C-alpha atoms as a PDB file:
ATOM      1  CA  MET A   1     -15.923 -11.808   9.595  1.00  0.00           C
ATOM      2  CA  LYS A   2     -13.390 -12.903  12.214  1.00  0.00           C
ATOM      3  CA  ARG A   3     -11.147 -14.361   9.502  1.00  0.00           C
ATOM      4  CA  ILE A   4     -11.293 -11.076   7.550  1.00  0.00           C
ATOM      5  CA  ILE A   5     -10.266  -9.000  10.562  1.00  0.00           C
ATOM      6  CA  ILE A   6      -7.487 -11.346  11.671  1.00  0.00           C
ATOM      7  CA  SER A   7      -6.092 -11.583   8.129  1.00  0.00           C
ATOM      8  CA  GLY A   8      -6.348  -7.805   7.825  1.00  0.00           C
ATOM      9  CA  LEU A   9      -4.480  -7.219  11.061  1.00  0.00           C
ATOM     10  CA  VAL A  10      -1.724  -9.657  10.078  1.00  0.00           C
ATOM     11  CA  ALA A  11      -1.432  -7.858   6.739  1.00  0.00           C
ATOM     12  CA  GLY A  12      -1.455  -4.527   8.607  1.00  0.00           C
ATOM     13  CA  ILE A  13       1.565  -5.571  10.662  1.00  0.00           C
ATOM     14  CA  ALA A  14       3.424  -6.610   7.500  1.00  0.00           C
ATOM     15  CA  LEU A  15       2.412  -3.391   5.712  1.00  0.00           C
ATOM     16  CA  LEU A  16       3.549  -1.283   8.670  1.00  0.00           C
ATOM     17  CA  ALA A  17       6.954  -2.981   8.533  1.00  0.00           C
ATOM     18  CA  LEU A  18       7.043  -2.408   4.758  1.00  0.00           C
ATOM     19  CA  SER A  19       6.040   1.215   5.198  1.00  0.00           C
ATOM     20  CA  ILE A  20       8.646   2.055   7.817  1.00  0.00           C
ATOM     21  CA  SER A  21      11.444   0.147   6.088  1.00  0.00           C
ATOM     22  CA  GLY A  22      10.437   1.692   2.750  1.00  0.00           C
ATOM     23  CA  LEU A  23      10.587   5.135   4.312  1.00  0.00           C
ATOM     24  CA  TYR A  24      14.129   4.628   5.575  1.00  0.00           C
ATOM     25  CA  LEU A  25      15.261   2.893   2.378  1.00  0.00           C
ATOM     26  CA  SER A  26      13.906   5.661   0.175  1.00  0.00           C
ATOM     27  CA  VAL A  27      15.680   8.327   2.217  1.00  0.00           C
ATOM     28  CA  TRP A  28      18.904   6.334   2.023  1.00  0.00           C
ATOM     29  CA  LEU A  29      18.660   5.309  -1.653  1.00  0.00           C
ATOM     30  CA  PHE A  30      16.940   8.392  -3.106  1.00  0.00           C
ATOM     31  CA  PRO A  31      17.801  11.411  -0.928  1.00  0.00           C
ATOM     32  CA  ASP A  32      16.991  13.968  -3.644  1.00  0.00           C
ATOM     33  CA  LEU A  33      13.575  12.428  -4.221  1.00  0.00           C
ATOM     34  CA  SER A  34      12.916  12.300  -0.484  1.00  0.00           C
ATOM     35  CA  MET A  35      13.644  16.018  -0.151  1.00  0.00           C
ATOM     36  CA  GLN A  36      10.344  16.701  -1.930  1.00  0.00           C
ATOM     37  CA  TYR A  37       8.546  15.752   1.288  1.00  0.00           C
ATOM     38  CA  PHE A  38       9.871  18.974   2.837  1.00  0.00           C
ATOM     39  CA  GLY A  39       8.226  21.083   0.138  1.00  0.00           C
ATOM     40  CA  PRO A  40       5.085  23.184   0.547  1.00  0.00           C
ATOM     41  CA  ALA A  41       2.877  20.408  -0.886  1.00  0.00           C
ATOM     42  CA  PHE A  42       3.212  18.458   2.367  1.00  0.00           C
ATOM     43  CA  ASN A  43       2.063  19.612   5.792  1.00  0.00           C
ATOM     44  CA  ASP A  44       4.480  18.287   8.392  1.00  0.00           C
ATOM     45  CA  ARG A  45       3.210  20.385  11.303  1.00  0.00           C
ATOM     46  CA  SER A  46      -0.309  19.044  11.566  1.00  0.00           C
ATOM     47  CA  GLY A  47       0.358  16.467  14.278  1.00  0.00           C
ATOM     48  CA  ARG A  48      -1.397  13.766  12.261  1.00  0.00           C
ATOM     49  CA  TYR A  49       1.516  11.342  12.390  1.00  0.00           C
ATOM     50  CA  MET A  50      -0.668   8.607  13.895  1.00  0.00           C
ATOM     51  CA  VAL A  51      -2.557   8.458  10.607  1.00  0.00           C
ATOM     52  CA  TYR A  52       0.688   7.276   9.005  1.00  0.00           C
ATOM     53  CA  TYR A  53       0.972   4.410  11.489  1.00  0.00           C
ATOM     54  CA  THR A  54      -2.696   3.383  11.345  1.00  0.00           C
ATOM     55  CA  HIS A  55      -2.919   3.503   7.536  1.00  0.00           C
ATOM     56  CA  PRO A  56      -1.444  -0.017   7.052  1.00  0.00           C
ATOM     57  CA  PHE A  57      -4.074  -1.510   9.354  1.00  0.00           C
ATOM     58  CA  VAL A  58      -6.951   0.242   7.613  1.00  0.00           C
ATOM     59  CA  THR A  59      -5.513  -0.852   4.258  1.00  0.00           C
ATOM     60  CA  GLY A  60      -5.003  -4.409   5.528  1.00  0.00           C
ATOM     61  CA  ILE A  61      -8.572  -4.805   6.761  1.00  0.00           C
ATOM     62  CA  VAL A  62     -10.104  -3.259   3.637  1.00  0.00           C
ATOM     63  CA  LEU A  63      -7.935  -5.400   1.366  1.00  0.00           C
ATOM     64  CA  SER A  64      -8.832  -8.452   3.447  1.00  0.00           C
ATOM     65  CA  TRP A  65     -12.506  -7.780   2.814  1.00  0.00           C
ATOM     66  CA  PHE A  66     -11.780  -7.271  -0.902  1.00  0.00           C
ATOM     67  CA  TRP A  67      -9.799 -10.531  -0.960  1.00  0.00           C
ATOM     68  CA  ASN A  68     -12.640 -12.410   0.700  1.00  0.00           C
ATOM     69  CA  ARG A  69     -15.083 -11.180  -1.948  1.00  0.00           C
ATOM     70  CA  PHE A  70     -12.913 -11.846  -5.005  1.00  0.00           C
ATOM     71  CA  LYS A  71     -10.447 -14.605  -4.090  1.00  0.00           C
ATOM     72  CA  SER A  72     -12.328 -17.203  -6.136  1.00  0.00           C
ATOM     73  CA  ILE A  73     -11.632 -15.237  -9.330  1.00  0.00           C
ATOM     74  CA  LEU A  74      -7.859 -15.365  -8.848  1.00  0.00           C
ATOM     75  CA  THR A  75      -6.156 -18.491 -10.128  1.00  0.00           C
ATOM     76  CA  GLY A  76      -2.689 -19.933  -9.962  1.00  0.00           C
ATOM     77  CA  SER A  77      -0.141 -20.529  -7.263  1.00  0.00           C
ATOM     78  CA  PHE A  78       0.352 -18.745  -3.974  1.00  0.00           C
ATOM     79  CA  ILE A  79       2.700 -16.154  -5.478  1.00  0.00           C
ATOM     80  CA  THR A  80       0.724 -15.741  -8.694  1.00  0.00           C
ATOM     81  CA  ARG A  81      -2.500 -14.991  -6.832  1.00  0.00           C
ATOM     82  CA  GLY A  82      -0.706 -12.540  -4.545  1.00  0.00           C
ATOM     83  CA  ILE A  83       0.896 -10.688  -7.452  1.00  0.00           C
ATOM     84  CA  GLU A  84      -2.359 -10.600  -9.416  1.00  0.00           C
ATOM     85  CA  PHE A  85      -4.145  -9.245  -6.346  1.00  0.00           C
ATOM     86  CA  GLY A  86      -1.450  -6.566  -6.010  1.00  0.00           C
ATOM     87  CA  VAL A  87      -1.766  -5.541  -9.654  1.00  0.00           C
ATOM     88  CA  VAL A  88      -5.559  -5.329  -9.394  1.00  0.00           C
ATOM     89  CA  TYR A  89      -5.296  -3.218  -6.241  1.00  0.00           C
ATOM     90  CA  ALA A  90      -2.691  -0.912  -7.777  1.00  0.00           C
ATOM     91  CA  LEU A  91      -4.701  -0.399 -10.954  1.00  0.00           C
ATOM     92  CA  ILE A  92      -8.077   0.064  -9.266  1.00  0.00           C
ATOM     93  CA  ALA A  93      -7.083   2.099  -6.216  1.00  0.00           C
ATOM     94  CA  SER A  94      -3.580   3.523  -6.572  1.00  0.00           C
ATOM     95  CA  LEU A  95      -3.478   4.634 -10.195  1.00  0.00           C
ATOM     96  CA  PRO A  96      -6.684   6.738 -10.200  1.00  0.00           C
ATOM     97  CA  SER A  97      -5.855   8.387  -6.883  1.00  0.00           C
ATOM     98  CA  LEU A  98      -2.282   9.121  -7.962  1.00  0.00           C
ATOM     99  CA  TRP A  99      -3.666  10.608 -11.166  1.00  0.00           C
ATOM    100  CA  MET A 100      -5.726  13.030  -9.064  1.00  0.00           C
ATOM    101  CA  VAL A 101      -2.784  13.808  -6.783  1.00  0.00           C
ATOM    102  CA  TYR A 102      -0.626  14.643  -9.806  1.00  0.00           C
ATOM    103  CA  SER A 103      -3.305  16.951 -11.164  1.00  0.00           C
ATOM    104  CA  ALA A 104      -3.857  18.772  -7.865  1.00  0.00           C
ATOM    105  CA  MET A 105      -0.504  18.831  -6.048  1.00  0.00           C
ATOM    106  CA  SER A 106       2.972  19.905  -6.913  1.00  0.00           C
ATOM    107  CA  VAL A 107       4.636  16.481  -6.824  1.00  0.00           C
ATOM    108  CA  SER A 108       6.948  14.941  -9.390  1.00  0.00           C
ATOM    109  CA  LEU A 109       6.287  11.887 -11.523  1.00  0.00           C
ATOM    110  CA  PRO A 110       9.263  10.025  -9.986  1.00  0.00           C
ATOM    111  CA  LEU A 111       7.749  10.538  -6.525  1.00  0.00           C
ATOM    112  CA  LEU A 112       4.367   9.305  -7.731  1.00  0.00           C
ATOM    113  CA  SER A 113       6.090   6.339  -9.347  1.00  0.00           C
ATOM    114  CA  THR A 114       7.489   5.311  -5.971  1.00  0.00           C
ATOM    115  CA  TRP A 115       3.988   5.549  -4.511  1.00  0.00           C
ATOM    116  CA  PHE A 116       2.627   3.348  -7.296  1.00  0.00           C
ATOM    117  CA  ILE A 117       5.362   0.768  -6.705  1.00  0.00           C
ATOM    118  CA  PHE A 118       4.570   0.901  -3.000  1.00  0.00           C
ATOM    119  CA  GLY A 119       0.901   0.210  -3.855  1.00  0.00           C
ATOM    120  CA  LEU A 120       1.928  -2.781  -5.944  1.00  0.00           C
ATOM    121  CA  LEU A 121       4.009  -4.111  -3.059  1.00  0.00           C
ATOM    122  CA  GLN A 122       1.204  -3.485  -0.568  1.00  0.00           C
ATOM    123  CA  GLY A 123      -1.293  -5.406  -2.656  1.00  0.00           C
ATOM    124  CA  GLY A 124       1.084  -8.234  -3.541  1.00  0.00           C
ATOM    125  CA  ILE A 125       2.279  -8.811   0.002  1.00  0.00           C
ATOM    126  CA  SER A 126      -1.275  -8.571   1.333  1.00  0.00           C
ATOM    127  CA  GLY A 127      -2.495 -11.014  -1.307  1.00  0.00           C
ATOM    128  CA  MET A 128       0.155 -13.555  -0.334  1.00  0.00           C
ATOM    129  CA  ILE A 129      -0.724 -13.154   3.349  1.00  0.00           C
ATOM    130  CA  PHE A 130      -4.433 -13.578   2.598  1.00  0.00           C
ATOM    131  CA  GLU A 131      -3.708 -16.635   0.469  1.00  0.00           C
ATOM    132  CA  LYS A 132      -2.124 -18.260   3.539  1.00  0.00           C
ATOM    133  CA  THR A 133      -4.521 -16.978   6.231  1.00  0.00           C
ATOM    134  CA  ASN A 134      -7.805 -16.979   4.292  1.00  0.00           C
ATOM    135  CA  PRO A 135      -7.491 -19.273   1.241  1.00  0.00           C
END
């Protein structure tokens, strides 16, 4: 259990860095797409900003548990296992939830595409970290 939590926290730190840098990069590279966050579909006055900063740690610990359960199924090199883990995570968790978001909220497909890519990166980076910290 200790290995799962430590690996999850390490992944959480990496995912937080990815999240913050991705936020700034997306605003810089795709300003028109980023303007959608100021639309009525998003509530920016709720004061729940801490949820944004704790999300990577929750994701890291949950993915660490998932890794620990299914790491023996993944084969290949360090990078291959990390990428496969990221694809599995994106297809199992991100795609169905993004499907529901698209059906219920007024968000564009390009915006959802960036979220899906972010999910792929989250899973892939986490998988590579878990491969090193909890092989």
